[in-house]
Amino acid sequence: MPDESSTTYCEISRALQAYQAVFFAIVLAIFLALAGFLASMAPSVRISSALAFLLLAFLALPFFAAWAVEIFFIRKTFRFSLQKGFLFVRSGSINPNYEIVPYENVQDAQVSQGIFERMFGIANVYVSTPAGTAPVFGIKLASAQEFRKDLLALAKMHRGMAE
């Protein structure tokens, strides 16, 4: 168990970037297939199929560009640490989100892996509080289990001090 004054930064796994890049490629391929299908329907509405395809691609370009930037910068912008008295979580490169969870408020922490996370060897930790859930994404499974154990030990220690 970490002592009260420790600060533990856990590195986000490179596998998270790979996982998100694969997911991005799948969604992009589905979009392009859909755009191609809709473009093939264009002759019935008197628009050239190339123009219809370009119009759909132009409308979706900002969405896919923002998503690609987020994937590229996730390892530099996503951070979490066990600070003195609270858990700190920072996420998002385009729209930063900061969460500070006092240990006294931590009720539980769940380690979760979906099928794709298992393929990449990463896990997510969901920290439950009375106000909601604070997610910690994309860390290696062993680190996630250790993080959960340390977090719950600190939470138990702080609840004991508060009573």
N, C-alpha and C. Protein backbone atom coordinates (compact mmCIF):
# COMPACT_ATOMS: atom_id res chain seq x y z
N MET A 1 0.84 -1.18 0.00
CA MET A 1 0.00 0.00 0.00
C MET A 1 0.89 1.24 0.00
N PRO A 2 0.57 2.23 -0.84
CA PRO A 2 1.39 3.44 -0.86
C PRO A 2 1.19 4.25 0.40
N ASP A 3 2.23 4.97 0.80
CA ASP A 3 2.06 5.81 1.98
C ASP A 3 1.30 7.08 1.59
N GLU A 4 0.91 7.83 2.63
CA GLU A 4 0.04 8.98 2.43
C GLU A 4 0.64 10.04 1.52
N SER A 5 1.95 10.20 1.51
CA SER A 5 2.56 11.28 0.75
C SER A 5 2.98 10.89 -0.66
N SER A 6 2.72 9.64 -1.06
CA SER A 6 3.20 9.20 -2.36
C SER A 6 2.37 9.75 -3.51
N THR A 7 3.01 9.90 -4.63
CA THR A 7 2.34 10.28 -5.86
C THR A 7 2.71 9.23 -6.89
N THR A 8 1.72 8.55 -7.42
CA THR A 8 1.98 7.47 -8.35
C THR A 8 1.36 7.81 -9.70
N TYR A 9 2.20 8.02 -10.70
CA TYR A 9 1.70 8.22 -12.05
C TYR A 9 1.82 6.91 -12.79
N CYS A 10 0.76 6.46 -13.36
CA CYS A 10 0.77 5.22 -14.12
C CYS A 10 0.74 5.58 -15.60
N GLU A 11 1.65 5.00 -16.34
CA GLU A 11 1.73 5.29 -17.75
C GLU A 11 0.60 4.61 -18.51
N ILE A 12 0.03 5.34 -19.43
CA ILE A 12 -1.01 4.79 -20.28
C ILE A 12 -0.34 3.88 -21.30
N SER A 13 -0.93 2.75 -21.52
CA SER A 13 -0.34 1.75 -22.41
C SER A 13 -0.38 2.20 -23.87
N ARG A 14 0.69 1.90 -24.62
CA ARG A 14 0.69 2.16 -26.06
C ARG A 14 -0.40 1.35 -26.75
N ALA A 15 -0.79 0.27 -26.13
CA ALA A 15 -1.84 -0.56 -26.71
C ALA A 15 -3.16 0.20 -26.80
N LEU A 16 -3.37 1.19 -25.91
CA LEU A 16 -4.59 1.99 -25.99
C LEU A 16 -4.62 2.77 -27.30
N GLN A 17 -3.49 3.33 -27.70
CA GLN A 17 -3.44 4.03 -28.98
C GLN A 17 -3.73 3.07 -30.13
N ALA A 18 -3.15 1.90 -30.09
CA ALA A 18 -3.38 0.91 -31.15
C ALA A 18 -4.84 0.49 -31.17
N TYR A 19 -5.41 0.26 -30.01
CA TYR A 19 -6.82 -0.12 -29.89
C TYR A 19 -7.71 0.95 -30.51
N GLN A 20 -7.47 2.21 -30.15
CA GLN A 20 -8.30 3.29 -30.68
C GLN A 20 -8.07 3.50 -32.17
N ALA A 21 -6.84 3.30 -32.64
CA ALA A 21 -6.55 3.44 -34.06
C ALA A 21 -7.27 2.37 -34.87
N VAL A 22 -7.31 1.15 -34.36
CA VAL A 22 -8.03 0.07 -35.05
C VAL A 22 -9.53 0.39 -35.08
N PHE A 23 -10.07 0.83 -33.96
CA PHE A 23 -11.48 1.20 -33.90
C PHE A 23 -11.77 2.36 -34.88
N PHE A 24 -10.87 3.35 -34.92
CA PHE A 24 -11.00 4.48 -35.84
C PHE A 24 -11.03 3.98 -37.29
N ALA A 25 -10.13 3.07 -37.64
CA ALA A 25 -10.07 2.55 -39.01
C ALA A 25 -11.34 1.80 -39.38
N ILE A 26 -11.89 1.05 -38.43
CA ILE A 26 -13.14 0.33 -38.69
C ILE A 26 -14.29 1.30 -38.94
N VAL A 27 -14.42 2.30 -38.09
CA VAL A 27 -15.50 3.29 -38.25
C VAL A 27 -15.32 4.06 -39.56
N LEU A 28 -14.08 4.43 -39.88
CA LEU A 28 -13.82 5.14 -41.13
C LEU A 28 -14.17 4.28 -42.34
N ALA A 29 -13.83 3.00 -42.30
CA ALA A 29 -14.16 2.09 -43.41
C ALA A 29 -15.67 1.96 -43.57
N ILE A 30 -16.39 1.85 -42.44
CA ILE A 30 -17.85 1.77 -42.51
C ILE A 30 -18.43 3.05 -43.09
N PHE A 31 -17.90 4.20 -42.66
CA PHE A 31 -18.38 5.47 -43.20
C PHE A 31 -18.12 5.56 -44.69
N LEU A 32 -16.92 5.20 -45.13
CA LEU A 32 -16.61 5.28 -46.57
C LEU A 32 -17.49 4.32 -47.37
N ALA A 33 -17.76 3.14 -46.85
CA ALA A 33 -18.64 2.20 -47.54
C ALA A 33 -20.05 2.77 -47.63
N LEU A 34 -20.52 3.37 -46.54
CA LEU A 34 -21.85 3.99 -46.55
C LEU A 34 -21.90 5.17 -47.51
N ALA A 35 -20.84 5.98 -47.49
CA ALA A 35 -20.79 7.12 -48.41
C ALA A 35 -20.78 6.64 -49.86
N GLY A 36 -20.03 5.57 -50.13
CA GLY A 36 -20.02 5.01 -51.49
C GLY A 36 -21.38 4.49 -51.90
N PHE A 37 -22.07 3.83 -50.97
CA PHE A 37 -23.42 3.33 -51.26
C PHE A 37 -24.37 4.49 -51.55
N LEU A 38 -24.32 5.52 -50.69
CA LEU A 38 -25.20 6.68 -50.91
C LEU A 38 -24.84 7.40 -52.20
N ALA A 39 -23.56 7.45 -52.52
CA ALA A 39 -23.14 8.09 -53.77
C ALA A 39 -23.64 7.31 -54.97
N SER A 40 -23.73 5.99 -54.87
CA SER A 40 -24.24 5.19 -55.98
C SER A 40 -25.73 5.41 -56.18
N MET A 41 -26.41 5.87 -55.15
CA MET A 41 -27.84 6.18 -55.25
C MET A 41 -28.07 7.57 -55.85
N ALA A 42 -27.02 8.35 -55.99
CA ALA A 42 -27.12 9.75 -56.42
C ALA A 42 -27.73 9.93 -57.80
N PRO A 43 -27.48 9.07 -58.79
CA PRO A 43 -28.07 9.33 -60.11
C PRO A 43 -29.59 9.48 -60.07
N SER A 44 -30.23 8.84 -59.12
CA SER A 44 -31.69 8.97 -59.05
C SER A 44 -32.12 10.35 -58.56
N VAL A 45 -31.23 11.08 -57.92
CA VAL A 45 -31.56 12.44 -57.48
C VAL A 45 -30.80 13.49 -58.28
N ARG A 46 -30.23 13.10 -59.40
CA ARG A 46 -29.57 13.99 -60.36
C ARG A 46 -28.34 14.70 -59.80
N ILE A 47 -27.55 14.03 -58.97
CA ILE A 47 -26.27 14.55 -58.49
C ILE A 47 -25.23 13.54 -58.91
N SER A 48 -24.11 14.00 -59.36
CA SER A 48 -23.08 13.04 -59.75
C SER A 48 -22.62 12.27 -58.51
N SER A 49 -22.29 11.00 -58.67
CA SER A 49 -21.90 10.18 -57.54
C SER A 49 -20.60 10.68 -56.91
N ALA A 50 -19.67 11.19 -57.71
CA ALA A 50 -18.42 11.72 -57.16
C ALA A 50 -18.69 12.95 -56.29
N LEU A 51 -19.60 13.82 -56.75
CA LEU A 51 -19.95 15.02 -55.99
C LEU A 51 -20.62 14.63 -54.67
N ALA A 52 -21.51 13.64 -54.69
CA ALA A 52 -22.19 13.20 -53.48
C ALA A 52 -21.18 12.61 -52.50
N PHE A 53 -20.24 11.82 -52.99
CA PHE A 53 -19.21 11.22 -52.13
C PHE A 53 -18.34 12.30 -51.50
N LEU A 54 -17.91 13.29 -52.30
CA LEU A 54 -17.08 14.38 -51.78
C LEU A 54 -17.84 15.22 -50.75
N LEU A 55 -19.12 15.45 -50.99
CA LEU A 55 -19.93 16.21 -50.04
C LEU A 55 -20.01 15.49 -48.69
N LEU A 56 -20.28 14.18 -48.72
CA LEU A 56 -20.34 13.41 -47.48
C LEU A 56 -18.98 13.39 -46.77
N ALA A 57 -17.91 13.22 -47.54
CA ALA A 57 -16.56 13.20 -46.95
C ALA A 57 -16.23 14.56 -46.32
N PHE A 58 -16.60 15.65 -46.99
CA PHE A 58 -16.32 16.99 -46.47
C PHE A 58 -17.08 17.24 -45.17
N LEU A 59 -18.32 16.76 -45.09
CA LEU A 59 -19.12 16.96 -43.88
C LEU A 59 -18.55 16.19 -42.69
N ALA A 60 -17.96 15.03 -42.95
CA ALA A 60 -17.42 14.20 -41.87
C ALA A 60 -15.97 14.50 -41.54
N LEU A 61 -15.28 15.25 -42.38
CA LEU A 61 -13.85 15.51 -42.18
C LEU A 61 -13.52 16.10 -40.81
N PRO A 62 -14.23 17.12 -40.33
CA PRO A 62 -13.88 17.66 -39.00
C PRO A 62 -14.00 16.63 -37.87
N PHE A 63 -15.01 15.79 -37.94
CA PHE A 63 -15.20 14.75 -36.93
C PHE A 63 -14.02 13.79 -36.93
N PHE A 64 -13.65 13.27 -38.10
CA PHE A 64 -12.57 12.30 -38.17
C PHE A 64 -11.21 12.94 -37.86
N ALA A 65 -11.03 14.19 -38.23
CA ALA A 65 -9.77 14.88 -37.91
C ALA A 65 -9.62 15.07 -36.40
N ALA A 66 -10.69 15.48 -35.73
CA ALA A 66 -10.64 15.66 -34.28
C ALA A 66 -10.38 14.33 -33.59
N TRP A 67 -10.99 13.28 -34.07
CA TRP A 67 -10.79 11.96 -33.48
C TRP A 67 -9.35 11.50 -33.67
N ALA A 68 -8.79 11.74 -34.84
CA ALA A 68 -7.40 11.34 -35.11
C ALA A 68 -6.43 12.11 -34.19
N VAL A 69 -6.69 13.40 -33.99
CA VAL A 69 -5.85 14.20 -33.08
C VAL A 69 -5.93 13.64 -31.67
N GLU A 70 -7.12 13.29 -31.23
CA GLU A 70 -7.30 12.73 -29.88
C GLU A 70 -6.51 11.43 -29.73
N ILE A 71 -6.54 10.56 -30.73
CA ILE A 71 -5.81 9.30 -30.67
C ILE A 71 -4.30 9.57 -30.62
N PHE A 72 -3.84 10.51 -31.44
CA PHE A 72 -2.41 10.81 -31.50
C PHE A 72 -1.87 11.35 -30.17
N PHE A 73 -2.65 12.20 -29.51
CA PHE A 73 -2.18 12.87 -28.30
C PHE A 73 -2.61 12.20 -27.00
N ILE A 74 -3.32 11.07 -27.05
CA ILE A 74 -3.87 10.50 -25.82
C ILE A 74 -2.79 10.16 -24.80
N ARG A 75 -1.66 9.65 -25.23
CA ARG A 75 -0.60 9.28 -24.27
C ARG A 75 0.02 10.52 -23.62
N LYS A 76 -0.04 11.66 -24.27
CA LYS A 76 0.53 12.87 -23.70
C LYS A 76 -0.46 13.61 -22.80
N THR A 77 -1.76 13.39 -23.02
CA THR A 77 -2.75 14.18 -22.29
C THR A 77 -3.51 13.43 -21.22
N PHE A 78 -3.57 12.11 -21.29
CA PHE A 78 -4.31 11.35 -20.28
C PHE A 78 -3.37 11.03 -19.13
N ARG A 79 -3.72 11.45 -17.94
CA ARG A 79 -2.91 11.21 -16.75
C ARG A 79 -3.82 10.90 -15.57
N PHE A 80 -3.32 10.08 -14.69
CA PHE A 80 -4.01 9.89 -13.42
C PHE A 80 -2.97 9.60 -12.36
N SER A 81 -3.27 9.98 -11.13
CA SER A 81 -2.31 9.78 -10.05
C SER A 81 -3.03 9.70 -8.72
N LEU A 82 -2.38 9.01 -7.80
CA LEU A 82 -2.85 8.94 -6.42
C LEU A 82 -2.09 10.03 -5.66
N GLN A 83 -2.76 11.11 -5.37
CA GLN A 83 -2.17 12.24 -4.68
C GLN A 83 -2.45 12.13 -3.18
N LYS A 84 -1.92 13.06 -2.43
CA LYS A 84 -2.18 13.08 -0.99
C LYS A 84 -3.63 13.53 -0.77
N GLY A 85 -4.47 12.57 -0.43
CA GLY A 85 -5.87 12.89 -0.11
C GLY A 85 -6.86 12.69 -1.24
N PHE A 86 -6.41 12.50 -2.48
CA PHE A 86 -7.38 12.37 -3.57
C PHE A 86 -6.77 11.68 -4.80
N LEU A 87 -7.66 11.19 -5.64
CA LEU A 87 -7.30 10.64 -6.95
C LEU A 87 -7.49 11.75 -7.97
N PHE A 88 -6.49 11.95 -8.83
CA PHE A 88 -6.55 12.97 -9.87
C PHE A 88 -6.57 12.28 -11.22
N VAL A 89 -7.55 12.64 -12.08
CA VAL A 89 -7.66 12.08 -13.43
C VAL A 89 -7.79 13.24 -14.41
N ARG A 90 -6.91 13.25 -15.44
CA ARG A 90 -6.98 14.25 -16.50
C ARG A 90 -7.12 13.51 -17.82
N SER A 91 -8.08 13.91 -18.62
CA SER A 91 -8.27 13.27 -19.92
C SER A 91 -8.68 14.31 -20.95
N GLY A 92 -8.48 13.97 -22.22
CA GLY A 92 -8.91 14.82 -23.32
C GLY A 92 -7.86 15.80 -23.78
N SER A 93 -7.56 15.79 -25.08
CA SER A 93 -6.60 16.75 -25.62
C SER A 93 -7.31 17.93 -26.25
N ILE A 94 -8.46 17.70 -26.83
CA ILE A 94 -9.22 18.79 -27.46
C ILE A 94 -10.10 19.48 -26.43
N ASN A 95 -10.75 18.69 -25.61
CA ASN A 95 -11.62 19.20 -24.56
C ASN A 95 -11.17 18.60 -23.23
N PRO A 96 -10.21 19.22 -22.55
CA PRO A 96 -9.67 18.63 -21.32
C PRO A 96 -10.72 18.48 -20.22
N ASN A 97 -10.63 17.38 -19.51
CA ASN A 97 -11.53 17.10 -18.41
C ASN A 97 -10.68 16.72 -17.19
N TYR A 98 -10.93 17.37 -16.08
CA TYR A 98 -10.19 17.11 -14.85
C TYR A 98 -11.15 16.58 -13.80
N GLU A 99 -10.79 15.48 -13.15
CA GLU A 99 -11.60 14.93 -12.08
C GLU A 99 -10.73 14.76 -10.85
N ILE A 100 -11.23 15.24 -9.73
CA ILE A 100 -10.56 15.08 -8.44
C ILE A 100 -11.53 14.33 -7.54
N VAL A 101 -11.11 13.16 -7.10
CA VAL A 101 -11.97 12.30 -6.28
C VAL A 101 -11.31 12.12 -4.92
N PRO A 102 -11.87 12.72 -3.86
CA PRO A 102 -11.32 12.50 -2.52
C PRO A 102 -11.46 11.02 -2.15
N TYR A 103 -10.45 10.49 -1.48
CA TYR A 103 -10.47 9.07 -1.11
C TYR A 103 -11.68 8.71 -0.25
N GLU A 104 -12.16 9.66 0.58
CA GLU A 104 -13.31 9.39 1.43
C GLU A 104 -14.55 9.08 0.61
N ASN A 105 -14.62 9.58 -0.63
CA ASN A 105 -15.79 9.39 -1.48
C ASN A 105 -15.73 8.11 -2.32
N VAL A 106 -14.59 7.44 -2.34
CA VAL A 106 -14.46 6.23 -3.15
C VAL A 106 -15.24 5.10 -2.49
N GLN A 107 -16.21 4.56 -3.23
CA GLN A 107 -17.01 3.44 -2.71
C GLN A 107 -16.49 2.11 -3.22
N ASP A 108 -16.10 2.07 -4.49
CA ASP A 108 -15.62 0.83 -5.09
C ASP A 108 -14.82 1.17 -6.34
N ALA A 109 -14.06 0.20 -6.79
CA ALA A 109 -13.32 0.34 -8.05
C ALA A 109 -13.42 -0.99 -8.80
N GLN A 110 -13.84 -0.94 -10.03
CA GLN A 110 -14.01 -2.14 -10.84
C GLN A 110 -13.01 -2.13 -11.98
N VAL A 111 -12.35 -3.27 -12.20
CA VAL A 111 -11.46 -3.43 -13.36
C VAL A 111 -12.29 -4.12 -14.43
N SER A 112 -12.31 -3.54 -15.63
CA SER A 112 -13.15 -4.05 -16.69
C SER A 112 -12.35 -4.21 -17.98
N GLN A 113 -12.64 -5.29 -18.71
CA GLN A 113 -12.03 -5.53 -20.01
C GLN A 113 -13.10 -6.03 -20.96
N GLY A 114 -13.23 -5.37 -22.10
CA GLY A 114 -14.09 -5.88 -23.16
C GLY A 114 -13.28 -6.82 -24.03
N ILE A 115 -13.90 -7.35 -25.05
CA ILE A 115 -13.21 -8.32 -25.91
C ILE A 115 -12.01 -7.69 -26.61
N PHE A 116 -12.15 -6.46 -27.09
CA PHE A 116 -11.04 -5.82 -27.79
C PHE A 116 -9.93 -5.39 -26.84
N GLU A 117 -10.31 -4.96 -25.62
CA GLU A 117 -9.29 -4.62 -24.63
C GLU A 117 -8.46 -5.85 -24.28
N ARG A 118 -9.12 -7.02 -24.19
CA ARG A 118 -8.38 -8.26 -23.91
C ARG A 118 -7.38 -8.56 -25.01
N MET A 119 -7.78 -8.31 -26.26
CA MET A 119 -6.88 -8.57 -27.39
C MET A 119 -5.63 -7.70 -27.29
N PHE A 120 -5.77 -6.48 -26.77
CA PHE A 120 -4.65 -5.56 -26.67
C PHE A 120 -3.99 -5.56 -25.30
N GLY A 121 -4.52 -6.33 -24.36
CA GLY A 121 -3.91 -6.46 -23.03
C GLY A 121 -4.09 -5.25 -22.14
N ILE A 122 -5.15 -4.48 -22.35
CA ILE A 122 -5.40 -3.30 -21.53
C ILE A 122 -6.70 -3.46 -20.76
N ALA A 123 -6.89 -2.61 -19.77
CA ALA A 123 -8.10 -2.66 -18.95
C ALA A 123 -8.51 -1.24 -18.59
N ASN A 124 -9.74 -1.12 -18.14
CA ASN A 124 -10.28 0.15 -17.67
C ASN A 124 -10.65 -0.03 -16.20
N VAL A 125 -10.44 1.02 -15.41
CA VAL A 125 -10.83 0.99 -14.00
C VAL A 125 -11.92 2.05 -13.82
N TYR A 126 -13.04 1.63 -13.26
CA TYR A 126 -14.15 2.54 -13.00
C TYR A 126 -14.25 2.74 -11.50
N VAL A 127 -14.01 3.98 -11.05
CA VAL A 127 -14.02 4.31 -9.63
C VAL A 127 -15.40 4.87 -9.29
N SER A 128 -16.12 4.16 -8.43
CA SER A 128 -17.48 4.56 -8.04
C SER A 128 -17.44 5.48 -6.84
N THR A 129 -18.21 6.57 -6.94
CA THR A 129 -18.37 7.53 -5.85
C THR A 129 -19.85 7.84 -5.72
N PRO A 130 -20.28 8.52 -4.65
CA PRO A 130 -21.68 8.91 -4.55
C PRO A 130 -22.12 9.83 -5.70
N ALA A 131 -21.20 10.57 -6.27
CA ALA A 131 -21.54 11.51 -7.34
C ALA A 131 -21.53 10.87 -8.73
N GLY A 132 -21.01 9.66 -8.86
CA GLY A 132 -20.94 9.02 -10.17
C GLY A 132 -19.73 8.12 -10.28
N THR A 133 -19.23 8.02 -11.51
CA THR A 133 -18.10 7.14 -11.79
C THR A 133 -16.98 7.93 -12.46
N ALA A 134 -15.77 7.70 -12.00
CA ALA A 134 -14.58 8.31 -12.61
C ALA A 134 -13.83 7.21 -13.36
N PRO A 135 -13.80 7.26 -14.70
CA PRO A 135 -13.12 6.21 -15.45
C PRO A 135 -11.63 6.49 -15.62
N VAL A 136 -10.85 5.43 -15.57
CA VAL A 136 -9.41 5.47 -15.87
C VAL A 136 -9.20 4.43 -16.97
N PHE A 137 -8.88 4.91 -18.17
CA PHE A 137 -8.86 4.05 -19.34
C PHE A 137 -7.46 3.63 -19.77
N GLY A 138 -7.38 2.45 -20.37
CA GLY A 138 -6.23 2.04 -21.15
C GLY A 138 -4.95 1.76 -20.43
N ILE A 139 -5.01 1.14 -19.26
CA ILE A 139 -3.77 0.77 -18.59
C ILE A 139 -3.61 -0.74 -18.66
N LYS A 140 -2.39 -1.19 -18.54
CA LYS A 140 -2.14 -2.63 -18.59
C LYS A 140 -2.89 -3.32 -17.47
N LEU A 141 -3.32 -4.56 -17.72
CA LEU A 141 -4.16 -5.28 -16.77
C LEU A 141 -3.51 -5.40 -15.39
N ALA A 142 -2.25 -5.76 -15.33
CA ALA A 142 -1.57 -5.91 -14.03
C ALA A 142 -1.52 -4.57 -13.29
N SER A 143 -1.25 -3.49 -14.02
CA SER A 143 -1.22 -2.15 -13.41
C SER A 143 -2.61 -1.75 -12.94
N ALA A 144 -3.63 -2.11 -13.70
CA ALA A 144 -5.00 -1.78 -13.31
C ALA A 144 -5.39 -2.47 -12.02
N GLN A 145 -5.03 -3.74 -11.89
CA GLN A 145 -5.36 -4.47 -10.67
C GLN A 145 -4.58 -3.92 -9.47
N GLU A 146 -3.33 -3.56 -9.66
CA GLU A 146 -2.53 -2.96 -8.59
C GLU A 146 -3.08 -1.59 -8.20
N PHE A 147 -3.44 -0.79 -9.21
CA PHE A 147 -4.02 0.53 -8.97
C PHE A 147 -5.31 0.41 -8.16
N ARG A 148 -6.16 -0.53 -8.53
CA ARG A 148 -7.43 -0.74 -7.82
C ARG A 148 -7.16 -1.10 -6.36
N LYS A 149 -6.22 -2.01 -6.14
CA LYS A 149 -5.90 -2.44 -4.77
C LYS A 149 -5.38 -1.26 -3.93
N ASP A 150 -4.45 -0.49 -4.49
CA ASP A 150 -3.90 0.67 -3.77
C ASP A 150 -4.96 1.73 -3.50
N LEU A 151 -5.80 1.98 -4.49
CA LEU A 151 -6.85 3.00 -4.34
C LEU A 151 -7.83 2.60 -3.24
N LEU A 152 -8.26 1.35 -3.24
CA LEU A 152 -9.21 0.91 -2.22
C LEU A 152 -8.57 0.90 -0.82
N ALA A 153 -7.27 0.58 -0.74
CA ALA A 153 -6.58 0.63 0.54
C ALA A 153 -6.51 2.07 1.07
N LEU A 154 -6.20 3.02 0.18
CA LEU A 154 -6.16 4.43 0.59
C LEU A 154 -7.56 4.91 0.99
N ALA A 155 -8.58 4.48 0.26
CA ALA A 155 -9.94 4.89 0.58
C ALA A 155 -10.36 4.36 1.95
N LYS A 156 -10.02 3.11 2.23
CA LYS A 156 -10.34 2.51 3.53
C LYS A 156 -9.62 3.24 4.65
N MET A 157 -8.33 3.57 4.42
CA MET A 157 -7.56 4.29 5.42
C MET A 157 -8.16 5.67 5.69
N HIS A 158 -8.57 6.37 4.65
CA HIS A 158 -9.13 7.72 4.83
C HIS A 158 -10.51 7.68 5.47
N ARG A 159 -11.30 6.68 5.15
CA ARG A 159 -12.62 6.58 5.81
C ARG A 159 -12.42 6.29 7.30
N GLY A 160 -11.40 5.51 7.64
CA GLY A 160 -11.10 5.23 9.05
C GLY A 160 -10.66 6.48 9.78
N MET A 161 -9.93 7.38 9.10
CA MET A 161 -9.48 8.63 9.72
C MET A 161 -10.65 9.59 9.91
N ALA A 162 -11.62 9.55 9.00
CA ALA A 162 -12.74 10.48 9.06
C ALA A 162 -13.71 10.12 10.18
N GLU A 163 -13.73 8.88 10.58
CA GLU A 163 -14.70 8.46 11.61
C GLU A 163 -14.25 8.80 13.01
